[in-house]
């Protein structure tokens, strides 16, 4: 992702520092969109890729949503069996 000039990821150390500042533990999965958006706003990100993995061991599905941090609008979504 970092090789695509239009996209930048937040460095791990910066993200962990922001989580600490917001009182989010390192183990917090950010399973709620509101928590993920709050962290992204703190980091002054424009977009966030929110993802979840569901299903049983042999039948997992990843769901992803590209969201605008400013509005919370879902700009793209997709699901894929993994």
N, C-alpha and C. Protein backbone atom coordinates (compact mmCIF):
# COMPACT_ATOMS: atom_id res chain seq x y z
N UNK A 1 0.83 -1.19 0.00
CA UNK A 1 0.00 0.00 0.00
C UNK A 1 0.87 1.25 0.00
N UNK A 2 1.98 1.24 0.74
CA UNK A 2 2.83 2.42 0.79
C UNK A 2 3.47 2.75 -0.55
N UNK A 3 3.50 1.81 -1.49
CA UNK A 3 4.09 2.08 -2.79
C UNK A 3 3.14 2.81 -3.72
N UNK A 4 1.87 2.93 -3.35
CA UNK A 4 0.89 3.67 -4.14
C UNK A 4 0.93 5.11 -3.66
N UNK A 5 1.32 6.04 -4.54
CA UNK A 5 1.54 7.42 -4.11
C UNK A 5 0.28 8.11 -3.60
N UNK A 6 -0.88 7.67 -4.02
CA UNK A 6 -2.13 8.31 -3.59
C UNK A 6 -2.54 7.87 -2.19
N UNK A 7 -1.94 6.79 -1.69
CA UNK A 7 -2.31 6.25 -0.38
C UNK A 7 -1.12 6.31 0.57
N UNK A 8 -1.42 6.65 1.81
CA UNK A 8 -0.40 6.61 2.86
C UNK A 8 -0.99 5.91 4.06
N UNK A 9 -0.20 5.08 4.68
CA UNK A 9 -0.64 4.45 5.91
C UNK A 9 -0.04 5.19 7.10
N UNK A 10 -0.69 5.07 8.23
CA UNK A 10 -0.20 5.69 9.46
C UNK A 10 0.86 4.78 10.06
N UNK A 11 2.02 5.32 10.42
CA UNK A 11 3.05 4.48 11.05
C UNK A 11 2.52 3.82 12.33
N UNK A 12 2.96 2.59 12.56
CA UNK A 12 2.49 1.80 13.70
C UNK A 12 2.68 2.55 15.02
N UNK A 13 3.85 3.13 15.23
CA UNK A 13 4.13 3.83 16.49
C UNK A 13 3.17 5.00 16.70
N UNK A 14 2.86 5.71 15.62
CA UNK A 14 1.92 6.84 15.71
C UNK A 14 0.52 6.35 16.06
N UNK A 15 0.12 5.23 15.45
CA UNK A 15 -1.20 4.68 15.74
C UNK A 15 -1.29 4.21 17.19
N UNK A 16 -0.25 3.54 17.68
CA UNK A 16 -0.26 3.05 19.06
C UNK A 16 -0.25 4.21 20.05
N UNK A 17 0.46 5.28 19.73
CA UNK A 17 0.46 6.48 20.58
C UNK A 17 -0.93 7.10 20.64
N UNK A 18 -1.61 7.15 19.50
CA UNK A 18 -2.97 7.69 19.45
C UNK A 18 -3.93 6.81 20.24
N UNK A 19 -3.79 5.51 20.12
CA UNK A 19 -4.65 4.59 20.89
C UNK A 19 -4.49 4.83 22.38
N UNK A 20 -3.24 5.00 22.81
CA UNK A 20 -2.96 5.24 24.22
C UNK A 20 -3.58 6.57 24.66
N UNK A 21 -3.43 7.60 23.84
CA UNK A 21 -3.99 8.92 24.17
C UNK A 21 -5.51 8.87 24.30
N UNK A 22 -6.15 8.00 23.52
CA UNK A 22 -7.61 7.86 23.54
C UNK A 22 -8.08 6.82 24.56
N UNK A 23 -7.15 6.19 25.27
CA UNK A 23 -7.52 5.19 26.27
C UNK A 23 -7.91 3.85 25.68
N UNK A 24 -7.44 3.55 24.47
CA UNK A 24 -7.73 2.27 23.82
C UNK A 24 -6.55 1.34 24.03
N UNK A 25 -6.79 0.16 24.54
CA UNK A 25 -5.70 -0.78 24.78
C UNK A 25 -5.21 -1.35 23.45
N UNK A 26 -4.00 -1.91 23.49
CA UNK A 26 -3.44 -2.54 22.30
C UNK A 26 -4.23 -3.74 21.85
N UNK A 27 -4.99 -4.35 22.78
CA UNK A 27 -5.79 -5.52 22.44
C UNK A 27 -7.19 -5.16 21.94
N UNK A 28 -7.57 -3.90 22.05
CA UNK A 28 -8.89 -3.48 21.59
C UNK A 28 -8.97 -3.66 20.08
N UNK A 29 -9.92 -4.44 19.63
CA UNK A 29 -10.02 -4.77 18.20
C UNK A 29 -10.68 -3.67 17.38
N UNK A 30 -11.15 -2.61 18.01
CA UNK A 30 -11.87 -1.53 17.32
C UNK A 30 -13.03 -2.10 16.51
N UNK A 31 -13.74 -3.04 17.10
CA UNK A 31 -14.86 -3.70 16.43
C UNK A 31 -16.02 -2.77 16.13
N UNK A 32 -16.08 -1.65 16.80
CA UNK A 32 -17.14 -0.68 16.51
C UNK A 32 -16.63 0.36 15.52
N UNK A 33 -17.43 0.64 14.52
CA UNK A 33 -17.03 1.64 13.53
C UNK A 33 -16.76 2.99 14.20
N UNK A 34 -17.56 3.33 15.21
CA UNK A 34 -17.39 4.62 15.88
C UNK A 34 -16.02 4.74 16.53
N UNK A 35 -15.51 3.67 17.11
CA UNK A 35 -14.17 3.69 17.72
C UNK A 35 -13.10 3.85 16.65
N UNK A 36 -13.26 3.14 15.55
CA UNK A 36 -12.29 3.23 14.45
C UNK A 36 -12.30 4.62 13.84
N UNK A 37 -13.49 5.20 13.64
CA UNK A 37 -13.60 6.55 13.09
C UNK A 37 -12.99 7.56 14.07
N UNK A 38 -13.23 7.39 15.36
CA UNK A 38 -12.66 8.29 16.36
C UNK A 38 -11.14 8.27 16.33
N UNK A 39 -10.55 7.09 16.21
CA UNK A 39 -9.11 6.97 16.12
C UNK A 39 -8.60 7.63 14.83
N UNK A 40 -9.29 7.39 13.73
CA UNK A 40 -8.90 7.99 12.45
C UNK A 40 -8.98 9.51 12.51
N UNK A 41 -10.00 10.04 13.15
CA UNK A 41 -10.11 11.50 13.29
C UNK A 41 -8.95 12.05 14.11
N UNK A 42 -8.62 11.37 15.20
CA UNK A 42 -7.51 11.79 16.04
C UNK A 42 -6.21 11.84 15.23
N UNK A 43 -6.04 10.88 14.34
CA UNK A 43 -4.85 10.79 13.50
C UNK A 43 -4.93 11.70 12.27
N UNK A 44 -6.03 12.40 12.12
CA UNK A 44 -6.28 13.31 10.99
C UNK A 44 -6.22 12.58 9.64
N UNK A 45 -6.76 11.37 9.64
CA UNK A 45 -6.83 10.59 8.40
C UNK A 45 -8.04 11.05 7.59
N UNK A 46 -7.97 10.87 6.30
CA UNK A 46 -9.09 11.20 5.43
C UNK A 46 -10.03 10.00 5.25
N UNK A 47 -9.45 8.81 5.23
CA UNK A 47 -10.21 7.59 4.98
C UNK A 47 -9.75 6.50 5.93
N UNK A 48 -10.62 5.52 6.13
CA UNK A 48 -10.27 4.35 6.93
C UNK A 48 -10.83 3.12 6.22
N UNK A 49 -10.05 2.04 6.24
CA UNK A 49 -10.52 0.76 5.71
C UNK A 49 -10.91 -0.08 6.92
N UNK A 50 -12.20 -0.21 7.13
CA UNK A 50 -12.75 -0.96 8.27
C UNK A 50 -13.00 -2.38 7.80
N UNK A 51 -12.50 -3.36 8.54
CA UNK A 51 -12.69 -4.75 8.10
C UNK A 51 -13.02 -5.65 9.28
N UNK A 52 -13.78 -6.68 8.97
CA UNK A 52 -14.12 -7.71 9.95
C UNK A 52 -13.98 -9.07 9.28
N UNK A 53 -13.71 -10.08 10.09
CA UNK A 53 -13.65 -11.46 9.61
C UNK A 53 -14.69 -12.24 10.40
N UNK A 54 -15.56 -12.93 9.68
CA UNK A 54 -16.64 -13.71 10.30
C UNK A 54 -16.60 -15.14 9.80
N UNK A 55 -17.29 -16.00 10.52
CA UNK A 55 -17.45 -17.38 10.09
C UNK A 55 -16.63 -18.35 10.91
N UNK A 56 -16.77 -19.60 10.57
CA UNK A 56 -16.07 -20.69 11.25
C UNK A 56 -14.72 -20.93 10.58
N UNK A 57 -13.93 -21.78 11.20
CA UNK A 57 -12.56 -22.04 10.76
C UNK A 57 -12.43 -22.32 9.26
N UNK A 58 -13.29 -23.14 8.71
CA UNK A 58 -13.19 -23.52 7.30
C UNK A 58 -14.06 -22.68 6.38
N UNK A 59 -14.73 -21.68 6.92
CA UNK A 59 -15.66 -20.89 6.10
C UNK A 59 -15.62 -19.42 6.55
N UNK A 60 -14.46 -18.80 6.44
CA UNK A 60 -14.30 -17.41 6.88
C UNK A 60 -14.57 -16.44 5.73
N UNK A 61 -15.14 -15.30 6.09
CA UNK A 61 -15.43 -14.25 5.12
C UNK A 61 -14.90 -12.94 5.67
N UNK A 62 -14.14 -12.21 4.85
CA UNK A 62 -13.68 -10.88 5.25
C UNK A 62 -14.59 -9.86 4.58
N UNK A 63 -15.05 -8.92 5.38
CA UNK A 63 -15.87 -7.81 4.88
C UNK A 63 -15.08 -6.53 5.09
N UNK A 64 -15.03 -5.69 4.06
CA UNK A 64 -14.27 -4.45 4.14
C UNK A 64 -15.15 -3.28 3.70
N UNK A 65 -14.91 -2.14 4.33
CA UNK A 65 -15.61 -0.92 3.97
C UNK A 65 -14.59 0.22 3.97
N UNK A 66 -14.49 0.92 2.86
CA UNK A 66 -13.68 2.13 2.79
C UNK A 66 -14.60 3.28 3.16
N UNK A 67 -14.24 3.99 4.24
CA UNK A 67 -15.12 5.02 4.78
C UNK A 67 -14.44 6.38 4.79
N UNK A 68 -15.22 7.41 4.54
CA UNK A 68 -14.77 8.78 4.72
C UNK A 68 -14.76 9.08 6.21
N UNK A 69 -13.64 9.57 6.72
CA UNK A 69 -13.55 9.89 8.15
C UNK A 69 -14.42 11.11 8.46
N UNK A 70 -14.45 12.08 7.56
CA UNK A 70 -15.21 13.31 7.80
C UNK A 70 -16.71 13.05 7.93
N UNK A 71 -17.26 12.21 7.06
CA UNK A 71 -18.71 12.02 7.04
C UNK A 71 -19.17 10.66 7.56
N UNK A 72 -18.27 9.69 7.61
CA UNK A 72 -18.65 8.33 7.98
C UNK A 72 -19.29 7.58 6.82
N UNK A 73 -19.37 8.22 5.66
CA UNK A 73 -19.98 7.60 4.48
C UNK A 73 -19.15 6.42 4.01
N UNK A 74 -19.83 5.33 3.65
CA UNK A 74 -19.16 4.16 3.08
C UNK A 74 -19.00 4.41 1.59
N UNK A 75 -17.75 4.51 1.14
CA UNK A 75 -17.44 4.82 -0.25
C UNK A 75 -17.32 3.56 -1.10
N UNK A 76 -16.95 2.47 -0.47
CA UNK A 76 -16.79 1.18 -1.16
C UNK A 76 -16.95 0.09 -0.12
N UNK A 77 -17.49 -1.04 -0.54
CA UNK A 77 -17.54 -2.20 0.35
C UNK A 77 -17.39 -3.47 -0.46
N UNK A 78 -16.90 -4.49 0.19
CA UNK A 78 -16.73 -5.77 -0.48
C UNK A 78 -16.62 -6.89 0.53
N UNK A 79 -16.93 -8.11 0.06
CA UNK A 79 -16.83 -9.31 0.90
C UNK A 79 -16.10 -10.36 0.07
N UNK A 80 -15.30 -11.17 0.76
CA UNK A 80 -14.56 -12.21 0.06
C UNK A 80 -14.32 -13.38 1.00
N UNK A 81 -14.53 -14.57 0.49
CA UNK A 81 -14.24 -15.77 1.27
C UNK A 81 -12.72 -15.95 1.34
N UNK A 82 -12.24 -16.24 2.56
CA UNK A 82 -10.79 -16.44 2.74
C UNK A 82 -10.50 -17.83 3.25
